[in-house]
Amino acid sequence: PVEDTRLLALGVLIVLALLLLARV
């Protein structure tokens, strides 16, 4: 299900980017 996969990928990207922004 492409849309579900896209949502999951975007969610993971946001979490990882926030962690990097927080200098984790």
PDB file of all heavy atoms in Angstrom:
ATOM      1  N   PRO A   1       0.852  -1.201   0.000  1.00  0.00           N
ATOM      2  CA  PRO A   1       0.000   0.000   0.000  1.00  0.00           C
ATOM      3  C   PRO A   1       0.888   1.251   0.000  1.00  0.00           C
ATOM      4  O   PRO A   1       1.441   1.635   1.039  1.00  0.00           O
ATOM      5  CB  PRO A   1      -0.798  -0.121   1.304  1.00  0.00           C
ATOM      6  CG  PRO A   1       0.005  -1.029   2.177  1.00  0.00           C
ATOM      7  CD  PRO A   1       0.760  -1.946   1.257  1.00  0.00           C
ATOM      8  N   VAL A   2       1.045   1.862  -1.163  1.00  0.00           N
ATOM      9  CA  VAL A   2       2.032   2.928  -1.352  1.00  0.00           C
ATOM     10  C   VAL A   2       1.808   4.098  -0.406  1.00  0.00           C
ATOM     11  O   VAL A   2       2.756   4.632   0.177  1.00  0.00           O
ATOM     12  CB  VAL A   2       2.011   3.418  -2.824  1.00  0.00           C
ATOM     13  CG1 VAL A   2       2.945   4.594  -3.007  1.00  0.00           C
ATOM     14  CG2 VAL A   2       2.416   2.279  -3.738  1.00  0.00           C
ATOM     15  N   GLU A   3       0.569   4.524  -0.224  1.00  0.00           N
ATOM     16  CA  GLU A   3       0.300   5.689   0.609  1.00  0.00           C
ATOM     17  C   GLU A   3       0.689   5.423   2.057  1.00  0.00           C
ATOM     18  O   GLU A   3       1.271   6.291   2.731  1.00  0.00           O
ATOM     19  CB  GLU A   3      -1.173   6.089   0.518  1.00  0.00           C
ATOM     20  CG  GLU A   3      -1.466   7.500   0.966  1.00  0.00           C
ATOM     21  CD  GLU A   3      -0.603   8.532   0.263  1.00  0.00           C
ATOM     22  OE1 GLU A   3      -0.433   8.468  -0.959  1.00  0.00           O
ATOM     23  OE2 GLU A   3      -0.065   9.416   0.963  1.00  0.00           O
ATOM     24  N   ASP A   4       0.404   4.215   2.559  1.00  0.00           N
ATOM     25  CA  ASP A   4       0.791   3.861   3.926  1.00  0.00           C
ATOM     26  C   ASP A   4       2.312   3.870   4.081  1.00  0.00           C
ATOM     27  O   ASP A   4       2.847   4.340   5.085  1.00  0.00           O
ATOM     28  CB  ASP A   4       0.235   2.479   4.303  1.00  0.00           C
ATOM     29  CG  ASP A   4      -1.285   2.476   4.421  1.00  0.00           C
ATOM     30  OD1 ASP A   4      -1.869   3.577   4.454  1.00  0.00           O
ATOM     31  OD2 ASP A   4      -1.870   1.385   4.472  1.00  0.00           O
ATOM     32  N   THR A   5       2.997   3.321   3.087  1.00  0.00           N
ATOM     33  CA  THR A   5       4.461   3.285   3.122  1.00  0.00           C
ATOM     34  C   THR A   5       5.038   4.693   3.089  1.00  0.00           C
ATOM     35  O   THR A   5       6.006   5.005   3.787  1.00  0.00           O
ATOM     36  CB  THR A   5       4.995   2.486   1.921  1.00  0.00           C
ATOM     37  OG1 THR A   5       4.345   1.219   1.887  1.00  0.00           O
ATOM     38  CG2 THR A   5       6.494   2.280   2.025  1.00  0.00           C
ATOM     39  N   ARG A   6       4.436   5.569   2.276  1.00  0.00           N
ATOM     40  CA  ARG A   6       4.889   6.957   2.188  1.00  0.00           C
ATOM     41  C   ARG A   6       4.730   7.664   3.532  1.00  0.00           C
ATOM     42  O   ARG A   6       5.640   8.368   3.988  1.00  0.00           O
ATOM     43  CB  ARG A   6       4.083   7.685   1.111  1.00  0.00           C
ATOM     44  CG  ARG A   6       4.481   9.144   0.912  1.00  0.00           C
ATOM     45  CD  ARG A   6       3.599   9.794  -0.146  1.00  0.00           C
ATOM     46  NE  ARG A   6       3.917  11.198  -0.305  1.00  0.00           N
ATOM     47  CZ  ARG A   6       4.872  11.670  -1.073  1.00  0.00           C
ATOM     48  NH1 ARG A   6       5.642  10.846  -1.753  1.00  0.00           N
ATOM     49  NH2 ARG A   6       5.093  12.964  -1.179  1.00  0.00           N
ATOM     50  N   LEU A   7       3.587   7.467   4.184  1.00  0.00           N
ATOM     51  CA  LEU A   7       3.340   8.091   5.483  1.00  0.00           C
ATOM     52  C   LEU A   7       4.355   7.615   6.520  1.00  0.00           C
ATOM     53  O   LEU A   7       4.866   8.405   7.311  1.00  0.00           O
ATOM     54  CB  LEU A   7       1.921   7.786   5.958  1.00  0.00           C
ATOM     55  CG  LEU A   7       0.778   8.434   5.156  1.00  0.00           C
ATOM     56  CD1 LEU A   7      -0.571   7.941   5.670  1.00  0.00           C
ATOM     57  CD2 LEU A   7       0.849   9.945   5.244  1.00  0.00           C
ATOM     58  N   LEU A   8       4.639   6.301   6.503  1.00  0.00           N
ATOM     59  CA  LEU A   8       5.610   5.740   7.446  1.00  0.00           C
ATOM     60  C   LEU A   8       6.992   6.337   7.212  1.00  0.00           C
ATOM     61  O   LEU A   8       7.671   6.758   8.157  1.00  0.00           O
ATOM     62  CB  LEU A   8       5.664   4.219   7.288  1.00  0.00           C
ATOM     63  CG  LEU A   8       6.704   3.489   8.149  1.00  0.00           C
ATOM     64  CD1 LEU A   8       6.405   3.684   9.635  1.00  0.00           C
ATOM     65  CD2 LEU A   8       6.748   2.006   7.807  1.00  0.00           C
ATOM     66  N   ALA A   9       7.415   6.419   5.930  1.00  0.00           N
ATOM     67  CA  ALA A   9       8.739   6.961   5.607  1.00  0.00           C
ATOM     68  C   ALA A   9       8.851   8.419   6.026  1.00  0.00           C
ATOM     69  O   ALA A   9       9.869   8.844   6.594  1.00  0.00           O
ATOM     70  CB  ALA A   9       9.008   6.808   4.108  1.00  0.00           C
ATOM     71  N   LEU A  10       7.818   9.202   5.764  1.00  0.00           N
ATOM     72  CA  LEU A  10       7.841  10.623   6.139  1.00  0.00           C
ATOM     73  C   LEU A  10       7.891  10.786   7.655  1.00  0.00           C
ATOM     74  O   LEU A  10       8.616  11.634   8.175  1.00  0.00           O
ATOM     75  CB  LEU A  10       6.596  11.322   5.581  1.00  0.00           C
ATOM     76  CG  LEU A  10       6.598  11.581   4.071  1.00  0.00           C
ATOM     77  CD1 LEU A  10       5.210  11.987   3.593  1.00  0.00           C
ATOM     78  CD2 LEU A  10       7.614  12.646   3.696  1.00  0.00           C
ATOM     79  N   GLY A  11       7.129   9.959   8.379  1.00  0.00           N
ATOM     80  CA  GLY A  11       7.132  10.020   9.840  1.00  0.00           C
ATOM     81  C   GLY A  11       8.496   9.712  10.424  1.00  0.00           C
ATOM     82  O   GLY A  11       8.982  10.407  11.326  1.00  0.00           O
ATOM     83  N   VAL A  12       9.154   8.668   9.893  1.00  0.00           N
ATOM     84  CA  VAL A  12      10.486   8.288  10.363  1.00  0.00           C
ATOM     85  C   VAL A  12      11.496   9.404  10.061  1.00  0.00           C
ATOM     86  O   VAL A  12      12.345   9.744  10.899  1.00  0.00           O
ATOM     87  CB  VAL A  12      10.938   6.964   9.710  1.00  0.00           C
ATOM     88  CG1 VAL A  12      12.401   6.681  10.011  1.00  0.00           C
ATOM     89  CG2 VAL A  12      10.067   5.816  10.203  1.00  0.00           C
ATOM     90  N   LEU A  13      11.404  10.008   8.864  1.00  0.00           N
ATOM     91  CA  LEU A  13      12.298  11.104   8.506  1.00  0.00           C
ATOM     92  C   LEU A  13      12.169  12.277   9.470  1.00  0.00           C
ATOM     93  O   LEU A  13      13.169  12.852   9.910  1.00  0.00           O
ATOM     94  CB  LEU A  13      11.980  11.584   7.087  1.00  0.00           C
ATOM     95  CG  LEU A  13      12.668  10.849   5.940  1.00  0.00           C
ATOM     96  CD1 LEU A  13      12.063  11.275   4.606  1.00  0.00           C
ATOM     97  CD2 LEU A  13      14.158  11.112   5.947  1.00  0.00           C
ATOM     98  N   ILE A  14      10.942  12.623   9.807  1.00  0.00           N
ATOM     99  CA  ILE A  14      10.717  13.754  10.714  1.00  0.00           C
ATOM    100  C   ILE A  14      11.312  13.466  12.092  1.00  0.00           C
ATOM    101  O   ILE A  14      11.979  14.315  12.687  1.00  0.00           O
ATOM    102  CB  ILE A  14       9.207  14.055  10.829  1.00  0.00           C
ATOM    103  CG1 ILE A  14       8.687  14.627   9.495  1.00  0.00           C
ATOM    104  CG2 ILE A  14       8.932  15.054  11.948  1.00  0.00           C
ATOM    105  CD1 ILE A  14       7.179  14.748   9.428  1.00  0.00           C
ATOM    106  N   VAL A  15      11.093  12.250  12.603  1.00  0.00           N
ATOM    107  CA  VAL A  15      11.614  11.881  13.925  1.00  0.00           C
ATOM    108  C   VAL A  15      13.141  11.932  13.932  1.00  0.00           C
ATOM    109  O   VAL A  15      13.757  12.507  14.844  1.00  0.00           O
ATOM    110  CB  VAL A  15      11.113  10.483  14.332  1.00  0.00           C
ATOM    111  CG1 VAL A  15      11.845  10.001  15.583  1.00  0.00           C
ATOM    112  CG2 VAL A  15       9.609  10.509  14.588  1.00  0.00           C
ATOM    113  N   LEU A  16      13.777  11.345  12.896  1.00  0.00           N
ATOM    114  CA  LEU A  16      15.239  11.332  12.847  1.00  0.00           C
ATOM    115  C   LEU A  16      15.802  12.749  12.696  1.00  0.00           C
ATOM    116  O   LEU A  16      16.813  13.091  13.317  1.00  0.00           O
ATOM    117  CB  LEU A  16      15.707  10.454  11.682  1.00  0.00           C
ATOM    118  CG  LEU A  16      15.494   8.947  11.841  1.00  0.00           C
ATOM    119  CD1 LEU A  16      15.910   8.208  10.582  1.00  0.00           C
ATOM    120  CD2 LEU A  16      16.249   8.401  13.043  1.00  0.00           C
ATOM    121  N   ALA A  17      15.150  13.578  11.870  1.00  0.00           N
ATOM    122  CA  ALA A  17      15.616  14.960  11.701  1.00  0.00           C
ATOM    123  C   ALA A  17      15.487  15.741  13.001  1.00  0.00           C
ATOM    124  O   ALA A  17      16.362  16.550  13.342  1.00  0.00           O
ATOM    125  CB  ALA A  17      14.824  15.633  10.585  1.00  0.00           C
ATOM    126  N   LEU A  18      14.410  15.525  13.744  1.00  0.00           N
ATOM    127  CA  LEU A  18      14.241  16.194  15.034  1.00  0.00           C
ATOM    128  C   LEU A  18      15.321  15.758  16.022  1.00  0.00           C
ATOM    129  O   LEU A  18      15.846  16.582  16.778  1.00  0.00           O
ATOM    130  CB  LEU A  18      12.852  15.891  15.609  1.00  0.00           C
ATOM    131  CG  LEU A  18      11.674  16.636  14.952  1.00  0.00           C
ATOM    132  CD1 LEU A  18      10.344  16.069  15.441  1.00  0.00           C
ATOM    133  CD2 LEU A  18      11.752  18.132  15.250  1.00  0.00           C
ATOM    134  N   LEU A  19      15.673  14.472  16.009  1.00  0.00           N
ATOM    135  CA  LEU A  19      16.737  13.975  16.888  1.00  0.00           C
ATOM    136  C   LEU A  19      18.076  14.627  16.544  1.00  0.00           C
ATOM    137  O   LEU A  19      18.842  15.007  17.425  1.00  0.00           O
ATOM    138  CB  LEU A  19      16.840  12.450  16.779  1.00  0.00           C
ATOM    139  CG  LEU A  19      15.699  11.645  17.418  1.00  0.00           C
ATOM    140  CD1 LEU A  19      15.844  10.162  17.087  1.00  0.00           C
ATOM    141  CD2 LEU A  19      15.665  11.843  18.931  1.00  0.00           C
ATOM    142  N   LEU A  20      18.345  14.755  15.226  1.00  0.00           N
ATOM    143  CA  LEU A  20      19.589  15.406  14.810  1.00  0.00           C
ATOM    144  C   LEU A  20      19.590  16.883  15.183  1.00  0.00           C
ATOM    145  O   LEU A  20      20.615  17.431  15.595  1.00  0.00           O
ATOM    146  CB  LEU A  20      19.779  15.252  13.298  1.00  0.00           C
ATOM    147  CG  LEU A  20      20.164  13.859  12.800  1.00  0.00           C
ATOM    148  CD1 LEU A  20      20.184  13.824  11.282  1.00  0.00           C
ATOM    149  CD2 LEU A  20      21.517  13.429  13.347  1.00  0.00           C
ATOM    150  N   LEU A  21      18.436  17.524  15.049  1.00  0.00           N
ATOM    151  CA  LEU A  21      18.326  18.938  15.415  1.00  0.00           C
ATOM    152  C   LEU A  21      18.565  19.125  16.910  1.00  0.00           C
ATOM    153  O   LEU A  21      19.122  20.138  17.347  1.00  0.00           O
ATOM    154  CB  LEU A  21      16.939  19.462  15.031  1.00  0.00           C
ATOM    155  CG  LEU A  21      16.755  20.983  14.953  1.00  0.00           C
ATOM    156  CD1 LEU A  21      17.711  21.613  13.956  1.00  0.00           C
ATOM    157  CD2 LEU A  21      15.314  21.318  14.575  1.00  0.00           C
ATOM    158  N   ALA A  22      18.159  18.128  17.706  1.00  0.00           N
ATOM    159  CA  ALA A  22      18.372  18.155  19.151  1.00  0.00           C
ATOM    160  C   ALA A  22      19.786  17.697  19.527  1.00  0.00           C
ATOM    161  O   ALA A  22      20.101  17.544  20.708  1.00  0.00           O
ATOM    162  CB  ALA A  22      17.336  17.282  19.845  1.00  0.00           C
ATOM    163  N   ARG A  23      20.615  17.435  18.500  1.00  0.00           N
ATOM    164  CA  ARG A  23      22.016  17.025  18.674  1.00  0.00           C
ATOM    165  C   ARG A  23      22.153  15.674  19.364  1.00  0.00           C
ATOM    166  O   ARG A  23      23.097  15.437  20.124  1.00  0.00           O
ATOM    167  CB  ARG A  23      22.804  18.094  19.425  1.00  0.00           C
ATOM    168  CG  ARG A  23      22.851  19.420  18.682  1.00  0.00           C
ATOM    169  CD  ARG A  23      23.753  20.418  19.354  1.00  0.00           C
ATOM    170  NE  ARG A  23      23.804  21.663  18.585  1.00  0.00           N
ATOM    171  CZ  ARG A  23      24.538  22.712  18.930  1.00  0.00           C
ATOM    172  NH1 ARG A  23      25.274  22.668  20.028  1.00  0.00           N
ATOM    173  NH2 ARG A  23      24.529  23.802  18.195  1.00  0.00           N
ATOM    174  N   VAL A  24      21.199  14.788  19.107  1.00  0.00           N
ATOM    175  CA  VAL A  24      21.308  13.408  19.569  1.00  0.00           C
ATOM    176  C   VAL A  24      22.173  12.661  18.554  1.00  0.00           C
ATOM    177  O   VAL A  24      21.835  12.595  17.372  1.00  0.00           O
ATOM    178  CB  VAL A  24      19.916  12.742  19.674  1.00  0.00           C
ATOM    179  CG1 VAL A  24      20.059  11.268  20.037  1.00  0.00           C
ATOM    180  CG2 VAL A  24      19.070  13.476  20.706  1.00  0.00           C
TER     181      VAL A  24
END
